[in-house]
Structures are given as C-alpha cells and as structure tokens.
Amino acid sequence: MAPYGRHRALDASGHVANCRP
C-alpha cells in the first residue's frame, strides 16, 4: 500500500474509496 497523499480514505477491503463519491 502506497502512502496516498490525495485520498488516504480506505474502505474495509483496504482499497482506496475515492472512485465513488
């Protein structure tokens, strides 16, 4: 997992939850 600077919001699965509003 890379340190996302834009959206560090991860869902329960551990994926970036920035694809859906």
Protein backbone atom coordinates (compact mmCIF):
# COMPACT_ATOMS: atom_id res chain seq x y z
CA MET A 1 0.00 0.00 0.00
CA ALA A 2 1.48 3.30 -1.07
CA PRO A 3 1.04 6.40 1.09
CA TYR A 4 -1.69 8.17 -0.85
CA GLY A 5 -1.49 11.92 -0.38
CA ARG A 6 -4.69 12.70 -2.28
CA HIS A 7 -7.11 10.35 -0.56
CA ARG A 8 -5.93 8.13 2.27
CA ALA A 9 -9.53 7.04 2.79
CA LEU A 10 -9.52 3.24 2.66
CA ASP A 11 -12.62 1.14 2.85
CA ALA A 12 -12.98 -2.10 4.83
CA SER A 13 -11.40 -4.02 1.96
CA GLY A 14 -8.33 -1.80 2.07
CA HIS A 15 -8.85 -0.24 -1.31
CA VAL A 16 -8.90 3.47 -1.98
CA ALA A 17 -12.51 4.60 -1.68
CA ASN A 18 -12.02 7.67 -3.87
CA CYS A 19 -13.50 6.18 -7.03
CA ARG A 20 -17.06 6.77 -5.81
CA PRO A 21 -18.41 9.92 -4.14
